[in-house]
């Protein structure tokens, strides 16, 4: 072996000996400190298992109760957009008080309230307010339900505006538009467990 190679080997042996001594010292310290030992075991085992099986980042089969005060074709069109896999229409309620009671009892994740005069206001191209009451006792699913509901209502609004343009003799394809094209390169199936610490 050449002198430079011998010197490198000697330095490597010294370095490995230092690493071994330092590792022994850290293991002894860890075993003496019970709180640190329990915390380390938790972080590298239990925490990973809990995170992998924890709350989902997906909204599935969220129960929606409807209070439709308008009972029109336009209100039905909006209501029936709350479909699987995100939402499940769990029935109608007769009053706002009953809707709140069902929400408080956990029999619905969301209450959708469509006001009377909904279709007429849309026909006159007036602003219409639809209310969604959401149970956020589970913050993550509550936020997701709110977000998806806002998207559904926004899409309904776009469709209604497009119909009005067609009725007025315009071509919606000629209107300026911004298109958001989302591409997921990592985890294209959006499996939320892949994003957890496993």
C-alpha atoms as a PDB file:
ATOM      1  CA  UNK A   1       0.000   0.000   0.000  1.00  0.00           C
ATOM      2  CA  UNK A   2       1.308   3.450  -0.837  1.00  0.00           C
ATOM      3  CA  UNK A   3       2.034   5.941   1.998  1.00  0.00           C
ATOM      4  CA  UNK A   4      -0.972   8.205   1.156  1.00  0.00           C
ATOM      5  CA  UNK A   5      -3.335   5.185   1.186  1.00  0.00           C
ATOM      6  CA  UNK A   6      -1.888   4.019   4.516  1.00  0.00           C
ATOM      7  CA  UNK A   7      -2.383   7.508   5.984  1.00  0.00           C
ATOM      8  CA  UNK A   8      -6.014   7.595   4.792  1.00  0.00           C
ATOM      9  CA  UNK A   9      -6.666   4.165   6.348  1.00  0.00           C
ATOM     10  CA  UNK A  10      -5.144   5.315   9.664  1.00  0.00           C
ATOM     11  CA  UNK A  11      -7.320   8.460   9.671  1.00  0.00           C
ATOM     12  CA  UNK A  12     -10.406   6.359   8.866  1.00  0.00           C
ATOM     13  CA  UNK A  13      -9.644   4.019  11.808  1.00  0.00           C
ATOM     14  CA  UNK A  14      -9.271   6.999  14.162  1.00  0.00           C
ATOM     15  CA  UNK A  15     -12.516   8.498  12.863  1.00  0.00           C
ATOM     16  CA  UNK A  16     -14.423   5.201  13.269  1.00  0.00           C
ATOM     17  CA  UNK A  17     -13.060   4.800  16.826  1.00  0.00           C
ATOM     18  CA  UNK A  18     -14.276   8.320  17.673  1.00  0.00           C
ATOM     19  CA  UNK A  19     -17.712   7.574  16.228  1.00  0.00           C
ATOM     20  CA  UNK A  20     -17.914   4.314  18.247  1.00  0.00           C
ATOM     21  CA  UNK A  21     -16.970   6.086  21.503  1.00  0.00           C
ATOM     22  CA  UNK A  22     -19.470   8.892  20.834  1.00  0.00           C
ATOM     23  CA  UNK A  23     -22.240   6.384  19.975  1.00  0.00           C
ATOM     24  CA  UNK A  24     -21.621   4.415  23.203  1.00  0.00           C
ATOM     25  CA  UNK A  25     -21.753   7.622  25.206  1.00  0.00           C
ATOM     26  CA  UNK A  26     -25.079   8.679  23.584  1.00  0.00           C
ATOM     27  CA  UNK A  27     -26.679   5.241  24.098  1.00  0.00           C
ATOM     28  CA  UNK A  28     -25.650   5.222  27.794  1.00  0.00           C
ATOM     29  CA  UNK A  29     -27.047   8.741  28.209  1.00  0.00           C
ATOM     30  CA  UNK A  30     -30.303   7.764  26.477  1.00  0.00           C
ATOM     31  CA  UNK A  31     -30.769   4.683  28.692  1.00  0.00           C
ATOM     32  CA  UNK A  32     -30.145   6.731  31.857  1.00  0.00           C
ATOM     33  CA  UNK A  33     -32.674   9.447  30.931  1.00  0.00           C
ATOM     34  CA  UNK A  34     -36.073   7.674  31.020  1.00  0.00           C
ATOM     35  CA  UNK A  35     -38.063  10.655  29.754  1.00  0.00           C
ATOM     36  CA  UNK A  36     -35.784  11.087  26.753  1.00  0.00           C
ATOM     37  CA  UNK A  37     -35.864   7.332  26.068  1.00  0.00           C
ATOM     38  CA  UNK A  38     -39.687   7.216  26.124  1.00  0.00           C
ATOM     39  CA  UNK A  39     -39.878  10.323  23.922  1.00  0.00           C
ATOM     40  CA  UNK A  40     -37.417   8.848  21.398  1.00  0.00           C
ATOM     41  CA  UNK A  41     -39.306   5.549  21.222  1.00  0.00           C
ATOM     42  CA  UNK A  42     -42.579   7.461  20.780  1.00  0.00           C
ATOM     43  CA  UNK A  43     -41.248   9.705  18.000  1.00  0.00           C
ATOM     44  CA  UNK A  44     -39.774   6.863  15.958  1.00  0.00           C
ATOM     45  CA  UNK A  45     -42.555   4.283  16.431  1.00  0.00           C
ATOM     46  CA  UNK A  46     -45.909   5.288  17.917  1.00  0.00           C
ATOM     47  CA  UNK A  47     -46.033   8.723  16.287  1.00  0.00           C
ATOM     48  CA  UNK A  48     -45.419   7.224  12.836  1.00  0.00           C
ATOM     49  CA  UNK A  49     -48.168   4.624  13.341  1.00  0.00           C
ATOM     50  CA  UNK A  50     -50.623   7.270  14.585  1.00  0.00           C
ATOM     51  CA  UNK A  51     -49.826   9.594  11.654  1.00  0.00           C
ATOM     52  CA  UNK A  52     -50.260   6.795   9.109  1.00  0.00           C
ATOM     53  CA  UNK A  53     -53.665   5.784  10.433  1.00  0.00           C
ATOM     54  CA  UNK A  54     -54.797   9.227  11.511  1.00  0.00           C
ATOM     55  CA  UNK A  55     -57.342  11.643  10.119  1.00  0.00           C
ATOM     56  CA  UNK A  56     -57.876  11.462   6.400  1.00  0.00           C
ATOM     57  CA  UNK A  57     -57.216  14.384   4.112  1.00  0.00           C
ATOM     58  CA  UNK A  58     -60.141  13.265   1.958  1.00  0.00           C
ATOM     59  CA  UNK A  59     -63.829  14.052   2.321  1.00  0.00           C
ATOM     60  CA  UNK A  60     -65.958  10.960   1.817  1.00  0.00           C
ATOM     61  CA  UNK A  61     -69.701  10.388   2.223  1.00  0.00           C
ATOM     62  CA  UNK A  62     -70.377  13.543   4.229  1.00  0.00           C
ATOM     63  CA  UNK A  63     -74.072  13.653   5.215  1.00  0.00           C
ATOM     64  CA  UNK A  64     -75.900  16.705   3.843  1.00  0.00           C
ATOM     65  CA  UNK A  65     -79.399  17.715   4.956  1.00  0.00           C
ATOM     66  CA  UNK A  66     -81.256  20.262   2.858  1.00  0.00           C
ATOM     67  CA  UNK A  67     -83.672  23.039   3.772  1.00  0.00           C
ATOM     68  CA  UNK A  68     -85.075  24.042   0.379  1.00  0.00           C
ATOM     69  CA  UNK A  69     -87.445  26.963   0.894  1.00  0.00           C
ATOM     70  CA  UNK A  70     -87.720  27.599  -2.855  1.00  0.00           C
ATOM     71  CA  UNK A  71     -88.681  24.116  -4.152  1.00  0.00           C
ATOM     72  CA  UNK A  72     -87.808  25.122  -7.721  1.00  0.00           C
ATOM     73  CA  UNK A  73     -86.004  23.446 -10.591  1.00  0.00           C
ATOM     74  CA  UNK A  74     -83.030  25.779 -10.071  1.00  0.00           C
ATOM     75  CA  UNK A  75     -82.752  24.907  -6.370  1.00  0.00           C
ATOM     76  CA  UNK A  76     -83.010  21.174  -7.154  1.00  0.00           C
ATOM     77  CA  UNK A  77     -80.252  21.536  -9.735  1.00  0.00           C
ATOM     78  CA  UNK A  78     -77.970  23.051  -7.110  1.00  0.00           C
ATOM     79  CA  UNK A  79     -78.869  20.510  -4.413  1.00  0.00           C
ATOM     80  CA  UNK A  80     -78.272  17.475  -6.612  1.00  0.00           C
ATOM     81  CA  UNK A  81     -74.729  18.613  -7.322  1.00  0.00           C
ATOM     82  CA  UNK A  82     -73.813  17.547  -3.775  1.00  0.00           C
ATOM     83  CA  UNK A  83     -73.185  13.939  -4.753  1.00  0.00           C
ATOM     84  CA  UNK A  84     -70.888  10.994  -4.042  1.00  0.00           C
ATOM     85  CA  UNK A  85     -68.078  10.427  -3.339  1.00  0.00           C
ATOM     86  CA  UNK A  86     -67.706  13.671  -1.348  1.00  0.00           C
ATOM     87  CA  UNK A  87     -71.290  14.202  -0.163  1.00  0.00           C
ATOM     88  CA  UNK A  88     -74.382  12.109   0.513  1.00  0.00           C
ATOM     89  CA  UNK A  89     -77.840  13.688   0.455  1.00  0.00           C
ATOM     90  CA  UNK A  90     -79.363  12.499   3.730  1.00  0.00           C
ATOM     91  CA  UNK A  91     -82.796  14.075   3.287  1.00  0.00           C
ATOM     92  CA  UNK A  92     -84.693  17.316   3.631  1.00  0.00           C
ATOM     93  CA  UNK A  93     -85.716  19.234   6.723  1.00  0.00           C
ATOM     94  CA  UNK A  94     -88.809  21.353   7.186  1.00  0.00           C
ATOM     95  CA  UNK A  95     -87.312  24.286   9.039  1.00  0.00           C
ATOM     96  CA  UNK A  96     -84.042  25.992   9.953  1.00  0.00           C
ATOM     97  CA  UNK A  97     -84.562  25.052  13.630  1.00  0.00           C
ATOM     98  CA  UNK A  98     -84.827  21.351  12.758  1.00  0.00           C
ATOM     99  CA  UNK A  99     -81.707  21.660  10.606  1.00  0.00           C
ATOM    100  CA  UNK A 100     -79.730  23.125  13.514  1.00  0.00           C
ATOM    101  CA  UNK A 101     -80.977  20.379  15.827  1.00  0.00           C
ATOM    102  CA  UNK A 102     -79.788  17.667  13.398  1.00  0.00           C
ATOM    103  CA  UNK A 103     -76.445  19.420  13.047  1.00  0.00           C
ATOM    104  CA  UNK A 104     -76.012  19.628  16.826  1.00  0.00           C
ATOM    105  CA  UNK A 105     -76.923  15.952  17.248  1.00  0.00           C
ATOM    106  CA  UNK A 106     -74.335  14.882  14.663  1.00  0.00           C
ATOM    107  CA  UNK A 107     -76.925  13.522  12.220  1.00  0.00           C
ATOM    108  CA  UNK A 108     -75.560  15.777   9.474  1.00  0.00           C
ATOM    109  CA  UNK A 109     -72.138  17.126   8.592  1.00  0.00           C
ATOM    110  CA  UNK A 110     -73.643  19.993   6.623  1.00  0.00           C
ATOM    111  CA  UNK A 111     -76.970  21.791   6.279  1.00  0.00           C
ATOM    112  CA  UNK A 112     -77.622  23.463   2.925  1.00  0.00           C
ATOM    113  CA  UNK A 113     -80.210  26.249   3.089  1.00  0.00           C
ATOM    114  CA  UNK A 114     -81.692  27.512  -0.173  1.00  0.00           C
ATOM    115  CA  UNK A 115     -83.837  30.648   0.365  1.00  0.00           C
ATOM    116  CA  UNK A 116     -87.278  31.202  -1.084  1.00  0.00           C
ATOM    117  CA  UNK A 117     -87.188  33.223  -4.291  1.00  0.00           C
ATOM    118  CA  UNK A 118     -83.893  31.583  -5.294  1.00  0.00           C
ATOM    119  CA  UNK A 119     -84.909  30.798  -8.887  1.00  0.00           C
ATOM    120  CA  UNK A 120     -86.637  34.158  -9.372  1.00  0.00           C
ATOM    121  CA  UNK A 121     -83.560  36.063  -8.170  1.00  0.00           C
ATOM    122  CA  UNK A 122     -81.359  34.081 -10.562  1.00  0.00           C
ATOM    123  CA  UNK A 123     -83.774  34.771 -13.422  1.00  0.00           C
ATOM    124  CA  UNK A 124     -83.548  38.503 -12.684  1.00  0.00           C
ATOM    125  CA  UNK A 125     -79.738  38.186 -12.438  1.00  0.00           C
ATOM    126  CA  UNK A 126     -79.724  39.326  -8.829  1.00  0.00           C
ATOM    127  CA  UNK A 127     -77.337  38.225  -6.114  1.00  0.00           C
ATOM    128  CA  UNK A 128     -78.610  35.177  -4.214  1.00  0.00           C
ATOM    129  CA  UNK A 129     -77.217  33.940  -0.909  1.00  0.00           C
ATOM    130  CA  UNK A 130     -77.166  30.211  -0.197  1.00  0.00           C
ATOM    131  CA  UNK A 131     -76.120  29.220   3.304  1.00  0.00           C
ATOM    132  CA  UNK A 132     -74.123  26.144   4.305  1.00  0.00           C
ATOM    133  CA  UNK A 133     -73.965  25.333   8.014  1.00  0.00           C
ATOM    134  CA  UNK A 134     -71.100  22.947   8.681  1.00  0.00           C
ATOM    135  CA  UNK A 135     -70.217  20.841  11.724  1.00  0.00           C
ATOM    136  CA  UNK A 136     -66.541  21.588  12.380  1.00  0.00           C
ATOM    137  CA  UNK A 137     -66.111  19.472  15.514  1.00  0.00           C
ATOM    138  CA  UNK A 138     -63.647  17.598  13.286  1.00  0.00           C
ATOM    139  CA  UNK A 139     -61.786  20.589  11.919  1.00  0.00           C
ATOM    140  CA  UNK A 140     -60.192  18.866   8.921  1.00  0.00           C
ATOM    141  CA  UNK A 141     -63.402  17.359   7.514  1.00  0.00           C
ATOM    142  CA  UNK A 142     -65.297  20.566   8.299  1.00  0.00           C
ATOM    143  CA  UNK A 143     -62.792  22.615   6.322  1.00  0.00           C
ATOM    144  CA  UNK A 144     -62.916  20.152   3.409  1.00  0.00           C
ATOM    145  CA  UNK A 145     -66.736  20.177   3.379  1.00  0.00           C
ATOM    146  CA  UNK A 146     -66.703  23.982   3.315  1.00  0.00           C
ATOM    147  CA  UNK A 147     -64.141  24.063   0.524  1.00  0.00           C
ATOM    148  CA  UNK A 148     -65.951  21.525  -1.682  1.00  0.00           C
ATOM    149  CA  UNK A 149     -69.321  23.226  -1.074  1.00  0.00           C
ATOM    150  CA  UNK A 150     -67.848  26.573  -2.163  1.00  0.00           C
ATOM    151  CA  UNK A 151     -66.508  24.959  -5.345  1.00  0.00           C
ATOM    152  CA  UNK A 152     -69.857  23.357  -6.162  1.00  0.00           C
ATOM    153  CA  UNK A 153     -71.728  26.641  -5.701  1.00  0.00           C
ATOM    154  CA  UNK A 154     -69.098  28.528  -7.754  1.00  0.00           C
ATOM    155  CA  UNK A 155     -69.417  25.980 -10.577  1.00  0.00           C
ATOM    156  CA  UNK A 156     -73.221  26.276 -10.438  1.00  0.00           C
ATOM    157  CA  UNK A 157     -72.874  30.059 -10.704  1.00  0.00           C
ATOM    158  CA  UNK A 158     -70.584  29.699 -13.733  1.00  0.00           C
ATOM    159  CA  UNK A 159     -73.047  27.332 -15.431  1.00  0.00           C
ATOM    160  CA  UNK A 160     -75.922  29.736 -14.782  1.00  0.00           C
ATOM    161  CA  UNK A 161     -73.945  32.671 -16.214  1.00  0.00           C
ATOM    162  CA  UNK A 162     -73.060  30.569 -19.265  1.00  0.00           C
ATOM    163  CA  UNK A 163     -76.755  29.790 -19.837  1.00  0.00           C
ATOM    164  CA  UNK A 164     -77.592  33.505 -19.634  1.00  0.00           C
ATOM    165  CA  UNK A 165     -74.915  34.298 -22.227  1.00  0.00           C
ATOM    166  CA  UNK A 166     -76.382  31.657 -24.566  1.00  0.00           C
ATOM    167  CA  UNK A 167     -79.921  33.025 -24.022  1.00  0.00           C
ATOM    168  CA  UNK A 168     -78.651  36.502 -24.927  1.00  0.00           C
ATOM    169  CA  UNK A 169     -77.254  35.103 -28.193  1.00  0.00           C
ATOM    170  CA  UNK A 170     -73.593  35.096 -27.138  1.00  0.00           C
ATOM    171  CA  UNK A 171     -71.043  32.318 -27.361  1.00  0.00           C
ATOM    172  CA  UNK A 172     -69.515  31.394 -23.983  1.00  0.00           C
ATOM    173  CA  UNK A 173     -66.457  29.926 -25.747  1.00  0.00           C
ATOM    174  CA  UNK A 174     -65.596  33.405 -27.027  1.00  0.00           C
ATOM    175  CA  UNK A 175     -65.543  34.867 -23.503  1.00  0.00           C
ATOM    176  CA  UNK A 176     -62.131  35.407 -21.887  1.00  0.00           C
ATOM    177  CA  UNK A 177     -61.276  32.723 -19.344  1.00  0.00           C
ATOM    178  CA  UNK A 178     -58.455  31.687 -17.059  1.00  0.00           C
ATOM    179  CA  UNK A 179     -57.871  27.957 -16.872  1.00  0.00           C
ATOM    180  CA  UNK A 180     -55.996  26.375 -14.008  1.00  0.00           C
ATOM    181  CA  UNK A 181     -54.284  23.161 -15.084  1.00  0.00           C
ATOM    182  CA  UNK A 182     -53.011  21.272 -12.068  1.00  0.00           C
ATOM    183  CA  UNK A 183     -50.441  18.517 -12.590  1.00  0.00           C
ATOM    184  CA  UNK A 184     -49.414  16.275  -9.701  1.00  0.00           C
ATOM    185  CA  UNK A 185     -46.074  14.642 -10.442  1.00  0.00           C
ATOM    186  CA  UNK A 186     -45.489  13.027  -7.066  1.00  0.00           C
ATOM    187  CA  UNK A 187     -48.338  10.840  -5.850  1.00  0.00           C
ATOM    188  CA  UNK A 188     -50.570  11.423  -8.921  1.00  0.00           C
ATOM    189  CA  UNK A 189     -53.367   9.349  -7.336  1.00  0.00           C
ATOM    190  CA  UNK A 190     -53.409  11.836  -4.413  1.00  0.00           C
ATOM    191  CA  UNK A 191     -53.239   9.027  -1.854  1.00  0.00           C
ATOM    192  CA  UNK A 192     -53.169  11.094   1.349  1.00  0.00           C
ATOM    193  CA  UNK A 193     -51.354   8.374   3.345  1.00  0.00           C
ATOM    194  CA  UNK A 194     -48.286   8.881   1.124  1.00  0.00           C
ATOM    195  CA  UNK A 195     -47.973  12.417   2.475  1.00  0.00           C
ATOM    196  CA  UNK A 196     -47.828  11.211   6.096  1.00  0.00           C
ATOM    197  CA  UNK A 197     -44.633  10.311   7.916  1.00  0.00           C
ATOM    198  CA  UNK A 198     -44.416   6.649   6.950  1.00  0.00           C
END
